[in-house]
Amino acid sequence: MTIKPRVQKFRIRRDDAAASAEPAQPAAAAEAAPNMQDQLDAIAQEGLTGRQLRMARRVAQKQGLVVGSDYDAVRQLRLAGIDPFQRQSVLELVQPKAPAAGRIQLPETIGKGNTLPDGKVIQRANKNASEIIKIQRDIARRRRRKLVLLTTRLAIFIFLPTFLVGWYFYNIATPMYATSSEIVIQQAQPAQGGATGFSNLFQGTSMATQQDSIAVQSYLASREAMLRLDADHGFKAHFSDPAIDPIQRLEPDATNEEAFKLFKSHVVISYDPTEGLIRMEVIAASPEKAYEFSQALIGYAEEQVDQLTSRLRTDQMQGAQESYEAAERRRSEALAAWLAIQQEVQQIDPVSESATRMGQIATLEGERQRLELVLQSRLNVDRPSEVQVQALRDQIANINGLITNLRADLIGGTDNQGSLAARNTELLTAEENYTFQTIMVQQALTQMETARIEANRQVRYLSESVRPVLPDQATYPRAFENTILAFFIFSGIYLMISLTASILREQVSS
């Protein structure tokens, strides 16, 4: 830091010597000195920054001017009509300048005939050098202070919290044991040769049981499952053990909401729709409890799967069963009515009874025709016998009366039982009703069998593709991974806050 001021002093001496050698008359230089000093004092009163002064010196050197100080560089540039603070002047600094041919770029010595600068110029140069040193020291001091402040902030907001988190995970956190399991919900396969089409398009794939899998996943992650697990296996009591560290421990009088928050963090359930698998990880403070909780939750899931389709299967079978029972009851009533009519009319088969009556009528009519022929033959003789003729006429009359009675029974009827035709109609109606009800019973039976097959197709099964195993080593906490994660989290938070503060400070200052 002391080398640069010495070089500047040397340059000042050389430049002042050259400046003092240039005037032809010492008296003229002495008269111009007070005017130059006033200009330098006026420039010093402008409040130029150190950066602006350094820029003016570089521009002056670029222009080949010999200056005694930064203020003198500003003065000479302004006399030459050059503004050292314009952008164009600054950009000219980066243009390379080829050295003169044969010229060695070394500090020039003071010639014998040159006069040394006066004491005021030397004092002013020393003052400028001391100010530059002071500015450099102030910049270095501010940099050190900012570095110390940055290190302090990093230590407070990043390293100290990360150390505390790592110390907790390595020394205080209670070891937790985890059991992993995978379950899948399967659907009963339909019988071979059954219905085909869009109904069986997704049969045997995960799409067929996706809704059931999502429902089971939601149930296992619900408050109902937590309350049932607590009632059956003491979930709250296990995590209220004083041996567990205070951060992971549940208060003895904790509410269900607090227990449910802990339940969601210690029972992790996910569903893979591509494979149809439900993955479950149960975390507990002891391996036995982790295995016990996992087995209990799998049992709850199996019961939930049975309940999902039990109502559908029950409704299908119940409707088909009620339809079959109603058809069987109507058939029994129809059979009872048919038997009652048969007992009432004392007749079993109306068709055979009618055929018998018609046969009797036909036989009687044939006998009547024969007797009429015999009677006609008796009447054709000269002296017919009155007794034979009357006997034949009586037989024909009796046959006509019998035929009339038989036909009256078939058509009209005179007794309380009604005609034979009416009785036959009642019997035929009852028989047809019974036959119809028998057909309905057969259809109801077929429908019930179809409903039973369909209900069997709706059955869901829960299979354990990966069974839970009793762990022999603690799975959590993962101290190193959690510590690194905490470091990145705190670093990200600090970076976001710093960027936000810088942006706000820039906006306010502008």
Protein backbone atom coordinates (compact mmCIF):
# COMPACT_ATOMS: atom_id res chain seq x y z
CA MET A 1 0.00 0.00 0.00
CA THR A 2 3.01 2.38 0.41
CA ILE A 3 4.52 1.71 -3.00
CA LYS A 4 1.88 3.55 -5.00
CA PRO A 5 2.22 6.85 -3.12
CA ARG A 6 6.02 6.77 -3.66
CA VAL A 7 5.52 6.27 -7.38
CA GLN A 8 3.08 9.12 -7.44
CA LYS A 9 5.56 11.36 -5.61
CA PHE A 10 8.21 10.45 -8.13
CA ARG A 11 5.88 11.23 -10.97
CA ILE A 12 4.92 14.49 -9.39
CA ARG A 13 8.53 15.50 -9.04
CA ARG A 14 9.22 14.59 -12.68
CA ASP A 15 6.13 16.33 -13.93
CA ASP A 16 6.66 19.38 -11.79
CA ALA A 17 10.24 19.54 -12.99
CA ALA A 18 9.13 19.32 -16.57
CA ALA A 19 6.46 21.89 -15.92
CA SER A 20 8.98 24.24 -14.33
CA ALA A 21 11.37 23.76 -17.26
CA GLU A 22 8.79 24.58 -19.87
CA PRO A 23 8.18 28.29 -19.08
CA ALA A 24 10.70 30.58 -20.59
CA GLN A 25 10.58 33.13 -17.79
CA PRO A 26 10.40 32.24 -14.04
CA ALA A 27 8.58 35.44 -13.33
CA ALA A 28 5.66 34.46 -15.57
CA ALA A 29 5.38 31.08 -13.88
CA ALA A 30 5.33 32.75 -10.50
CA GLU A 31 2.48 34.99 -11.57
CA ALA A 32 0.45 32.08 -12.93
CA ALA A 33 0.95 29.94 -9.83
CA PRO A 34 -1.64 31.74 -7.63
CA ASN A 35 -4.22 31.53 -10.42
CA MET A 36 -3.62 27.73 -10.78
CA GLN A 37 -3.86 27.29 -7.01
CA ASP A 38 -7.21 29.03 -6.98
CA GLN A 39 -8.46 26.75 -9.73
CA LEU A 40 -7.27 23.68 -7.81
CA ASP A 41 -8.98 24.92 -4.63
CA ALA A 42 -12.21 25.51 -6.57
CA ILE A 43 -12.05 21.99 -8.00
CA ALA A 44 -11.41 20.58 -4.51
CA GLN A 45 -14.53 22.38 -3.28
CA GLU A 46 -16.68 20.57 -5.88
CA GLY A 47 -16.77 17.43 -3.71
CA LEU A 48 -15.52 15.01 -6.35
CA THR A 49 -15.32 11.41 -5.25
CA GLY A 50 -12.16 9.34 -5.21
CA ARG A 51 -13.42 7.28 -8.13
CA GLN A 52 -13.97 10.43 -10.22
CA LEU A 53 -10.49 11.74 -9.39
CA ARG A 54 -8.85 8.45 -10.35
CA MET A 55 -10.85 8.47 -13.58
CA ALA A 56 -9.65 12.02 -14.35
CA ARG A 57 -6.01 11.01 -13.78
CA ARG A 58 -6.37 8.02 -16.11
CA VAL A 59 -7.96 10.21 -18.81
CA ALA A 60 -5.14 12.75 -18.41
CA GLN A 61 -2.51 10.07 -18.75
CA LYS A 62 -4.33 8.77 -21.82
CA GLN A 63 -4.22 12.25 -23.37
CA GLY A 64 -0.47 12.56 -22.60
CA LEU A 65 -0.88 15.39 -20.10
CA VAL A 66 1.63 15.92 -17.32
CA VAL A 67 -0.31 16.46 -14.11
CA GLY A 68 0.79 17.12 -10.59
CA SER A 69 -2.29 15.74 -8.80
CA ASP A 70 -5.81 14.47 -9.41
CA TYR A 71 -7.23 17.98 -9.15
CA ASP A 72 -4.55 19.22 -11.58
CA ALA A 73 -5.65 16.45 -13.98
CA VAL A 74 -9.22 17.71 -13.81
CA ARG A 75 -8.02 21.31 -14.36
CA GLN A 76 -5.84 20.51 -17.37
CA LEU A 77 -8.54 18.30 -18.97
CA ARG A 78 -11.09 21.08 -18.64
CA LEU A 79 -8.59 23.59 -20.11
CA ALA A 80 -8.12 21.17 -23.03
CA GLY A 81 -11.88 21.03 -23.54
CA ILE A 82 -12.23 17.44 -22.32
CA ASP A 83 -14.81 16.39 -19.74
CA PRO A 84 -13.18 13.52 -17.80
CA PHE A 85 -16.52 12.25 -16.55
CA GLN A 86 -18.19 11.71 -19.92
CA ARG A 87 -18.80 8.15 -21.08
CA GLN A 88 -16.81 8.69 -24.27
CA SER A 89 -13.75 9.75 -22.30
CA VAL A 90 -14.00 6.68 -20.10
CA LEU A 91 -14.34 4.36 -23.09
CA GLU A 92 -11.20 5.84 -24.65
CA LEU A 93 -9.20 4.38 -21.76
CA VAL A 94 -9.56 0.86 -23.10
CA GLN A 95 -8.02 1.75 -26.51
CA PRO A 96 -4.44 0.53 -26.64
CA LYS A 97 -1.69 3.04 -27.43
CA ALA A 98 1.38 1.83 -29.20
CA PRO A 99 4.65 2.98 -27.58
CA ALA A 100 7.00 5.19 -29.52
CA ALA A 101 9.61 3.37 -31.54
CA GLY A 102 12.85 2.97 -29.64
CA ARG A 103 11.47 4.53 -26.48
CA ILE A 104 11.90 2.68 -23.20
CA GLN A 105 8.97 3.11 -20.81
CA LEU A 106 10.95 3.97 -17.67
CA PRO A 107 10.69 6.88 -15.26
CA GLU A 108 12.63 9.86 -16.49
CA THR A 109 15.44 11.28 -14.48
CA ILE A 110 15.70 14.86 -13.49
CA GLY A 111 17.94 16.78 -15.80
CA LYS A 112 20.76 18.93 -14.54
CA GLY A 113 19.32 22.05 -15.96
CA ASN A 114 15.83 21.44 -14.57
CA THR A 115 14.65 23.12 -11.43
CA LEU A 116 12.96 21.18 -8.61
CA PRO A 117 9.32 21.88 -7.74
CA ASP A 118 8.66 24.26 -4.94
CA GLY A 119 7.59 23.20 -1.46
CA LYS A 120 3.88 23.88 -1.98
CA VAL A 121 3.65 21.42 -4.84
CA ILE A 122 5.45 18.76 -2.80
CA GLN A 123 3.18 19.37 0.19
CA ARG A 124 0.12 19.17 -2.00
CA ALA A 125 1.38 15.91 -3.53
CA ASN A 126 2.06 14.46 -0.08
CA LYS A 127 -1.40 15.51 1.02
CA ASN A 128 -2.98 13.82 -1.98
CA ALA A 129 -0.99 10.67 -1.37
CA SER A 130 -2.03 10.59 2.28
CA GLU A 131 -5.65 11.04 1.27
CA ILE A 132 -5.37 8.19 -1.21
CA ILE A 133 -3.84 5.97 1.47
CA LYS A 134 -6.61 6.98 3.85
CA ILE A 135 -9.24 6.13 1.22
CA GLN A 136 -7.61 2.78 0.52
CA ARG A 137 -7.45 1.97 4.20
CA ASP A 138 -11.07 3.00 4.62
CA ILE A 139 -12.09 0.74 1.71
CA ALA A 140 -10.11 -2.16 3.17
CA ARG A 141 -11.62 -1.51 6.62
CA ARG A 142 -15.15 -1.44 5.20
CA ARG A 143 -14.50 -4.66 3.29
CA ARG A 144 -13.24 -6.34 6.44
CA ARG A 145 -16.25 -5.07 8.37
CA LYS A 146 -18.67 -6.33 5.69
CA LEU A 147 -16.89 -9.68 5.61
CA VAL A 148 -17.15 -9.97 9.39
CA LEU A 149 -20.83 -9.01 9.28
CA LEU A 150 -21.49 -11.51 6.48
CA THR A 151 -19.71 -14.25 8.41
CA THR A 152 -21.70 -13.37 11.53
CA ARG A 153 -25.00 -13.47 9.67
CA LEU A 154 -24.13 -16.78 8.06
CA ALA A 155 -23.14 -18.20 11.42
CA ILE A 156 -26.33 -17.00 13.11
CA PHE A 157 -28.87 -17.78 10.42
CA ILE A 158 -27.33 -20.86 8.72
CA PHE A 159 -24.49 -22.59 10.57
CA LEU A 160 -25.89 -22.33 14.10
CA PRO A 161 -29.41 -23.63 13.20
CA THR A 162 -27.83 -26.40 11.09
CA PHE A 163 -25.59 -27.36 14.03
CA LEU A 164 -28.58 -27.44 16.38
CA VAL A 165 -30.58 -29.59 13.96
CA GLY A 166 -27.67 -32.01 13.49
CA TRP A 167 -27.07 -32.16 17.24
CA TYR A 168 -30.73 -33.01 17.76
CA PHE A 169 -30.74 -35.77 15.17
CA TYR A 170 -27.47 -37.32 16.36
CA ASN A 171 -27.92 -37.04 20.14
CA ILE A 172 -31.56 -36.44 21.15
CA ALA A 173 -33.92 -37.86 18.51
CA THR A 174 -35.50 -41.19 19.49
CA PRO A 175 -34.80 -44.02 17.02
CA MET A 176 -37.91 -44.94 15.05
CA TYR A 177 -38.59 -48.29 13.39
CA ALA A 178 -40.51 -48.62 10.13
CA THR A 179 -42.30 -51.53 8.48
CA SER A 180 -43.12 -51.42 4.78
CA SER A 181 -45.88 -53.37 3.06
CA GLU A 182 -47.67 -53.44 -0.28
CA ILE A 183 -51.24 -54.55 -0.86
CA VAL A 184 -53.27 -54.91 -4.03
CA ILE A 185 -57.03 -55.20 -4.55
CA GLN A 186 -58.11 -57.87 -7.02
CA GLN A 187 -61.46 -58.60 -8.64
CA ALA A 188 -63.00 -62.04 -9.11
CA GLN A 189 -62.54 -63.32 -12.63
CA PRO A 190 -65.74 -64.01 -14.65
CA ALA A 191 -66.61 -67.48 -15.82
CA GLN A 192 -65.22 -68.57 -19.18
CA GLY A 193 -67.58 -68.02 -22.07
CA GLY A 194 -69.40 -65.21 -20.29
CA ALA A 195 -70.39 -61.84 -21.64
CA THR A 196 -67.80 -60.00 -23.67
CA GLY A 197 -67.49 -56.41 -24.78
CA PHE A 198 -66.78 -53.13 -23.05
CA SER A 199 -67.88 -54.51 -19.68
CA ASN A 200 -64.82 -56.77 -19.62
CA LEU A 201 -62.43 -54.40 -21.39
CA PHE A 202 -60.50 -53.50 -18.21
CA GLN A 203 -61.05 -56.83 -16.50
CA GLY A 204 -57.92 -58.02 -14.75
CA THR A 205 -56.18 -54.61 -14.89
CA SER A 206 -55.58 -51.95 -12.24
CA MET A 207 -58.27 -49.76 -13.86
CA ALA A 208 -60.95 -52.22 -12.76
CA THR A 209 -60.13 -51.70 -9.06
CA GLN A 210 -58.76 -48.15 -9.13
CA GLN A 211 -61.78 -46.65 -7.41
CA ASP A 212 -61.69 -49.29 -4.68
CA SER A 213 -57.95 -48.78 -4.16
CA ILE A 214 -58.38 -45.02 -3.79
CA ALA A 215 -61.24 -45.58 -1.33
CA VAL A 216 -59.10 -47.94 0.77
CA GLN A 217 -56.20 -45.47 0.71
CA SER A 218 -58.47 -42.66 1.90
CA TYR A 219 -59.85 -44.85 4.66
CA LEU A 220 -56.42 -45.88 5.97
CA ALA A 221 -55.38 -42.20 6.10
CA SER A 222 -58.58 -41.07 7.85
CA ARG A 223 -59.39 -40.20 11.44
CA GLU A 224 -61.63 -43.25 11.68
CA ALA A 225 -58.68 -45.57 11.09
CA MET A 226 -56.62 -43.64 13.66
CA LEU A 227 -59.35 -43.82 16.30
CA ARG A 228 -59.87 -47.51 15.62
CA LEU A 229 -56.13 -48.16 15.87
CA ASP A 230 -55.98 -46.25 19.14
CA ALA A 231 -58.94 -48.17 20.57
CA ASP A 232 -57.58 -51.57 19.51
CA HIS A 233 -53.82 -51.18 19.94
CA GLY A 234 -53.18 -48.00 21.98
CA PHE A 235 -51.76 -45.62 19.38
CA LYS A 236 -51.85 -42.58 21.68
CA ALA A 237 -50.45 -44.45 24.65
CA HIS A 238 -47.49 -45.70 22.63
CA PHE A 239 -46.43 -42.27 21.40
CA SER A 240 -47.05 -40.74 24.86
CA ASP A 241 -44.21 -42.82 26.33
CA PRO A 242 -41.77 -40.57 28.28
CA ALA A 243 -38.86 -42.41 26.66
CA ILE A 244 -39.62 -40.63 23.37
CA ASP A 245 -37.96 -37.24 22.88
CA PRO A 246 -40.19 -34.19 23.49
CA ILE A 247 -40.40 -33.19 19.82
CA GLN A 248 -41.77 -36.56 18.71
CA ARG A 249 -43.66 -37.35 21.92
CA LEU A 250 -47.41 -36.95 22.16
CA GLU A 251 -48.84 -35.34 25.27
CA PRO A 252 -50.81 -37.70 27.54
CA ASP A 253 -53.92 -35.49 27.30
CA ALA A 254 -53.52 -34.79 23.59
CA THR A 255 -56.62 -34.24 21.50
CA ASN A 256 -57.63 -36.35 18.56
CA GLU A 257 -56.51 -33.62 16.15
CA GLU A 258 -52.99 -33.63 17.60
CA ALA A 259 -52.93 -37.42 17.49
CA PHE A 260 -54.15 -37.36 13.89
CA LYS A 261 -51.32 -35.00 12.85
CA LEU A 262 -48.84 -37.44 14.37
CA PHE A 263 -50.67 -40.33 12.71
CA LYS A 264 -50.34 -38.74 9.25
CA SER A 265 -46.59 -38.27 9.71
CA HIS A 266 -46.01 -41.83 11.02
CA VAL A 267 -48.37 -43.72 8.68
CA VAL A 268 -47.38 -42.94 5.09
CA ILE A 269 -49.72 -44.39 2.45
CA SER A 270 -49.36 -43.99 -1.31
CA TYR A 271 -51.12 -45.45 -4.35
CA ASP A 272 -49.49 -46.34 -7.66
CA PRO A 273 -52.19 -46.16 -10.37
CA THR A 274 -49.99 -47.81 -13.01
CA GLU A 275 -49.51 -51.01 -11.01
CA GLY A 276 -52.53 -50.76 -8.71
CA LEU A 277 -50.39 -51.14 -5.57
CA ILE A 278 -51.06 -49.48 -2.22
CA ARG A 279 -47.76 -48.90 -0.42
CA MET A 280 -47.83 -48.35 3.33
CA GLU A 281 -45.05 -47.47 5.76
CA VAL A 282 -45.78 -47.52 9.49
CA ILE A 283 -43.33 -45.86 11.89
CA ALA A 284 -43.24 -46.54 15.64
CA ALA A 285 -40.81 -46.27 18.54
CA SER A 286 -40.43 -50.06 18.82
CA PRO A 287 -40.23 -52.73 16.12
CA GLU A 288 -43.01 -54.77 17.74
CA LYS A 289 -45.44 -51.87 17.71
CA ALA A 290 -44.56 -50.97 14.12
CA TYR A 291 -45.32 -54.55 13.05
CA GLU A 292 -48.50 -54.63 15.16
CA PHE A 293 -49.81 -51.35 13.74
CA SER A 294 -49.05 -52.46 10.19
CA GLN A 295 -50.93 -55.77 10.59
CA ALA A 296 -53.90 -53.99 12.16
CA LEU A 297 -54.15 -51.47 9.33
CA ILE A 298 -54.00 -54.25 6.73
CA GLY A 299 -56.87 -55.97 8.55
CA TYR A 300 -58.88 -52.74 8.51
CA ALA A 301 -58.24 -52.40 4.79
CA GLU A 302 -59.48 -55.94 4.15
CA GLU A 303 -62.68 -55.27 6.06
CA GLN A 304 -63.17 -52.04 4.11
CA VAL A 305 -62.77 -53.93 0.83
CA ASP A 306 -65.46 -56.39 1.90
CA GLN A 307 -67.79 -53.56 2.85
CA LEU A 308 -67.33 -51.77 -0.47
CA THR A 309 -69.11 -54.51 -2.45
CA SER A 310 -71.19 -56.21 0.25
CA ARG A 311 -74.12 -53.82 -0.13
CA LEU A 312 -74.12 -54.14 -3.91
CA ARG A 313 -74.01 -57.93 -3.70
CA THR A 314 -76.65 -57.96 -0.97
CA ASP A 315 -79.01 -55.72 -2.95
CA GLN A 316 -78.62 -57.82 -6.08
CA MET A 317 -79.25 -61.09 -4.29
CA GLN A 318 -82.03 -59.68 -2.16
CA GLY A 319 -83.97 -58.39 -5.18
CA ALA A 320 -83.58 -61.66 -7.06
CA GLN A 321 -84.52 -63.68 -3.97
CA GLU A 322 -87.64 -61.60 -3.31
CA SER A 323 -88.70 -61.95 -6.97
CA TYR A 324 -88.27 -65.72 -6.83
CA GLU A 325 -90.18 -66.05 -3.56
CA ALA A 326 -93.07 -63.93 -4.91
CA ALA A 327 -93.26 -66.06 -8.08
CA GLU A 328 -93.24 -69.27 -6.02
CA ARG A 329 -96.00 -67.91 -3.81
CA ARG A 330 -98.17 -67.00 -6.81
CA ARG A 331 -97.62 -70.44 -8.30
CA SER A 332 -98.72 -72.08 -5.05
CA GLU A 333 -101.84 -69.91 -4.96
CA ALA A 334 -102.63 -70.79 -8.57
CA LEU A 335 -102.21 -74.50 -7.84
CA ALA A 336 -104.45 -74.25 -4.77
CA ALA A 337 -107.13 -72.44 -6.80
CA TRP A 338 -106.97 -75.11 -9.53
CA LEU A 339 -107.36 -77.93 -7.00
CA ALA A 340 -110.28 -76.15 -5.35
CA ILE A 341 -112.11 -75.84 -8.68
CA GLN A 342 -111.46 -79.51 -9.44
CA GLN A 343 -112.88 -80.51 -6.06
CA GLU A 344 -115.84 -78.23 -6.51
CA VAL A 345 -116.85 -79.50 -9.95
CA GLN A 346 -115.65 -83.01 -9.15
CA GLN A 347 -113.74 -83.12 -12.34
CA ILE A 348 -110.06 -83.47 -13.09
CA ASP A 349 -109.74 -83.14 -16.86
CA PRO A 350 -112.29 -80.88 -18.58
CA VAL A 351 -111.18 -81.92 -22.05
CA SER A 352 -111.69 -85.65 -21.45
CA GLU A 353 -115.00 -84.98 -19.72
CA SER A 354 -116.29 -82.99 -22.66
CA ALA A 355 -115.07 -85.64 -25.07
CA THR A 356 -116.88 -88.32 -23.09
CA ARG A 357 -120.15 -86.38 -23.15
CA MET A 358 -119.86 -85.76 -26.85
CA GLY A 359 -119.16 -89.45 -27.42
CA GLN A 360 -122.29 -90.37 -25.48
CA ILE A 361 -124.35 -87.94 -27.53
CA ALA A 362 -122.95 -89.39 -30.76
CA THR A 363 -123.75 -92.95 -29.60
CA LEU A 364 -127.30 -92.00 -28.65
CA GLU A 365 -127.84 -90.27 -31.97
CA GLY A 366 -126.64 -93.37 -33.80
CA GLU A 367 -129.02 -95.53 -31.77
CA ARG A 368 -131.87 -93.14 -32.49
CA GLN A 369 -131.25 -93.32 -36.21
CA ARG A 370 -131.26 -97.12 -36.07
CA LEU A 371 -134.55 -97.15 -34.13
CA GLU A 372 -136.05 -94.69 -36.58
CA LEU A 373 -135.09 -96.99 -39.44
CA VAL A 374 -136.65 -99.95 -37.61
CA LEU A 375 -139.78 -97.92 -36.94
CA GLN A 376 -140.00 -96.94 -40.57
CA SER A 377 -139.68 -100.56 -41.62
CA ARG A 378 -142.53 -101.55 -39.25
CA LEU A 379 -144.73 -98.80 -40.61
CA ASN A 380 -144.17 -99.93 -44.18
CA VAL A 381 -146.05 -103.24 -43.67
CA ASP A 382 -149.77 -103.49 -44.35
CA ARG A 383 -150.82 -104.19 -40.85
CA PRO A 384 -148.03 -102.93 -38.43
CA SER A 385 -148.13 -103.98 -34.83
CA GLU A 386 -149.23 -101.11 -32.67
CA VAL A 387 -147.36 -102.45 -29.68
CA GLN A 388 -144.01 -102.64 -31.53
CA VAL A 389 -144.54 -99.32 -33.18
CA GLN A 390 -145.33 -97.64 -29.86
CA ALA A 391 -142.36 -99.34 -28.21
CA LEU A 392 -140.04 -98.05 -30.90
CA ARG A 393 -141.48 -94.57 -30.62
CA ASP A 394 -141.03 -94.62 -26.83
CA GLN A 395 -137.38 -95.69 -27.23
CA ILE A 396 -136.76 -92.90 -29.75
CA ALA A 397 -138.39 -90.37 -27.42
CA ASN A 398 -136.27 -91.55 -24.48
CA ILE A 399 -133.12 -91.27 -26.58
CA ASN A 400 -134.09 -87.72 -27.65
CA GLY A 401 -134.68 -86.75 -24.08
CA LEU A 402 -131.34 -88.15 -23.03
CA ILE A 403 -129.54 -86.34 -25.84
CA THR A 404 -131.31 -83.14 -24.86
CA ASN A 405 -130.22 -83.53 -21.25
CA LEU A 406 -126.63 -84.24 -22.27
CA ARG A 407 -126.51 -81.17 -24.50
CA ALA A 408 -128.14 -79.08 -21.79
CA ASP A 409 -125.40 -80.15 -19.40
CA LEU A 410 -122.75 -79.17 -21.93
CA ILE A 411 -124.25 -75.76 -22.78
CA GLY A 412 -126.72 -74.39 -20.30
CA GLY A 413 -126.96 -76.52 -17.21
CA THR A 414 -129.77 -76.58 -14.75
CA ASP A 415 -128.13 -77.53 -11.46
CA ASN A 416 -126.20 -75.41 -8.98
CA GLN A 417 -122.85 -76.43 -10.41
CA GLY A 418 -123.52 -74.66 -13.71
CA SER A 419 -122.88 -75.95 -17.18
CA LEU A 420 -120.09 -78.26 -18.11
CA ALA A 421 -118.67 -75.63 -20.45
CA ALA A 422 -118.48 -73.09 -17.62
CA ARG A 423 -116.85 -75.63 -15.35
CA ASN A 424 -114.42 -76.55 -18.11
CA THR A 425 -113.61 -72.86 -18.67
CA GLU A 426 -112.84 -72.38 -14.99
CA LEU A 427 -110.66 -75.43 -14.93
CA LEU A 428 -108.81 -74.38 -18.07
CA THR A 429 -108.30 -70.86 -16.71
CA ALA A 430 -106.94 -72.20 -13.43
CA GLU A 431 -104.68 -74.61 -15.31
CA GLU A 432 -103.34 -71.87 -17.58
CA ASN A 433 -102.74 -69.61 -14.55
CA TYR A 434 -100.80 -72.35 -12.84
CA THR A 435 -98.77 -72.98 -16.00
CA PHE A 436 -98.01 -69.25 -16.32
CA GLN A 437 -96.92 -69.01 -12.68
CA THR A 438 -94.70 -72.03 -13.18
CA ILE A 439 -92.98 -70.26 -16.07
CA MET A 440 -92.55 -67.12 -13.92
CA VAL A 441 -90.95 -69.23 -11.20
CA GLN A 442 -88.50 -70.62 -13.71
CA GLN A 443 -87.63 -67.13 -14.92
CA ALA A 444 -87.21 -65.87 -11.36
CA LEU A 445 -84.95 -68.82 -10.61
CA THR A 446 -82.86 -68.03 -13.69
CA GLN A 447 -82.68 -64.37 -12.67
CA MET A 448 -81.59 -65.31 -9.16
CA GLU A 449 -78.84 -67.54 -10.54
CA THR A 450 -77.68 -64.72 -12.81
CA ALA A 451 -77.67 -62.30 -9.88
CA ARG A 452 -75.63 -64.77 -7.84
CA ILE A 453 -73.04 -65.04 -10.63
CA GLU A 454 -72.93 -61.26 -11.00
CA ALA A 455 -72.57 -60.84 -7.24
CA ASN A 456 -69.67 -63.26 -7.26
CA ARG A 457 -68.05 -61.17 -9.99
CA GLN A 458 -68.34 -58.08 -7.77
CA VAL A 459 -66.31 -59.68 -5.01
CA ARG A 460 -63.01 -57.90 -4.22
CA TYR A 461 -60.01 -59.56 -2.64
CA LEU A 462 -57.13 -57.89 -0.80
CA SER A 463 -53.79 -59.57 -1.44
CA GLU A 464 -50.53 -58.76 0.33
CA SER A 465 -47.83 -58.59 -2.31
CA VAL A 466 -45.26 -57.50 0.31
CA ARG A 467 -45.93 -58.56 3.89
CA PRO A 468 -44.67 -56.46 6.82
CA VAL A 469 -41.51 -57.77 8.48
CA LEU A 470 -40.39 -57.12 12.04
CA PRO A 471 -37.50 -54.59 11.72
CA ASP A 472 -34.23 -55.22 13.57
CA GLN A 473 -32.67 -51.77 13.00
CA ALA A 474 -33.94 -48.23 13.40
CA THR A 475 -34.91 -46.56 10.14
CA TYR A 476 -35.25 -43.01 11.41
CA PRO A 477 -33.89 -40.46 12.03
CA ARG A 478 -31.59 -40.20 9.04
CA ALA A 479 -29.22 -37.81 10.76
CA PHE A 480 -26.81 -36.98 7.94
CA GLU A 481 -29.47 -36.57 5.25
CA ASN A 482 -31.69 -34.48 7.52
CA THR A 483 -28.76 -32.27 8.56
CA ILE A 484 -27.77 -31.59 4.94
CA LEU A 485 -31.40 -30.91 4.11
CA ALA A 486 -31.65 -28.44 6.99
CA PHE A 487 -28.50 -26.67 5.76
CA PHE A 488 -29.95 -26.22 2.28
CA ILE A 489 -33.28 -25.07 3.70
CA PHE A 490 -31.69 -22.44 5.95
CA SER A 491 -29.39 -21.34 3.11
CA GLY A 492 -32.35 -20.93 0.77
CA ILE A 493 -34.32 -18.94 3.33
CA TYR A 494 -31.35 -16.65 4.03
CA LEU A 495 -30.69 -16.16 0.31
CA MET A 496 -34.32 -15.26 -0.37
CA ILE A 497 -34.42 -12.79 2.51
CA SER A 498 -31.09 -11.21 1.45
CA LEU A 499 -32.17 -10.83 -2.16
CA THR A 500 -35.50 -9.35 -1.10
CA ALA A 501 -33.79 -6.86 1.24
CA SER A 502 -31.27 -5.87 -1.45
CA ILE A 503 -34.00 -5.30 -4.01
CA LEU A 504 -36.07 -3.24 -1.58
CA ARG A 505 -33.00 -1.19 -0.55
CA GLU A 506 -32.15 -0.54 -4.19
CA GLN A 507 -35.71 0.53 -4.94
CA VAL A 508 -35.78 2.89 -1.94
CA SER A 509 -32.35 4.43 -2.70
CA SER A 510 -33.22 5.00 -6.36
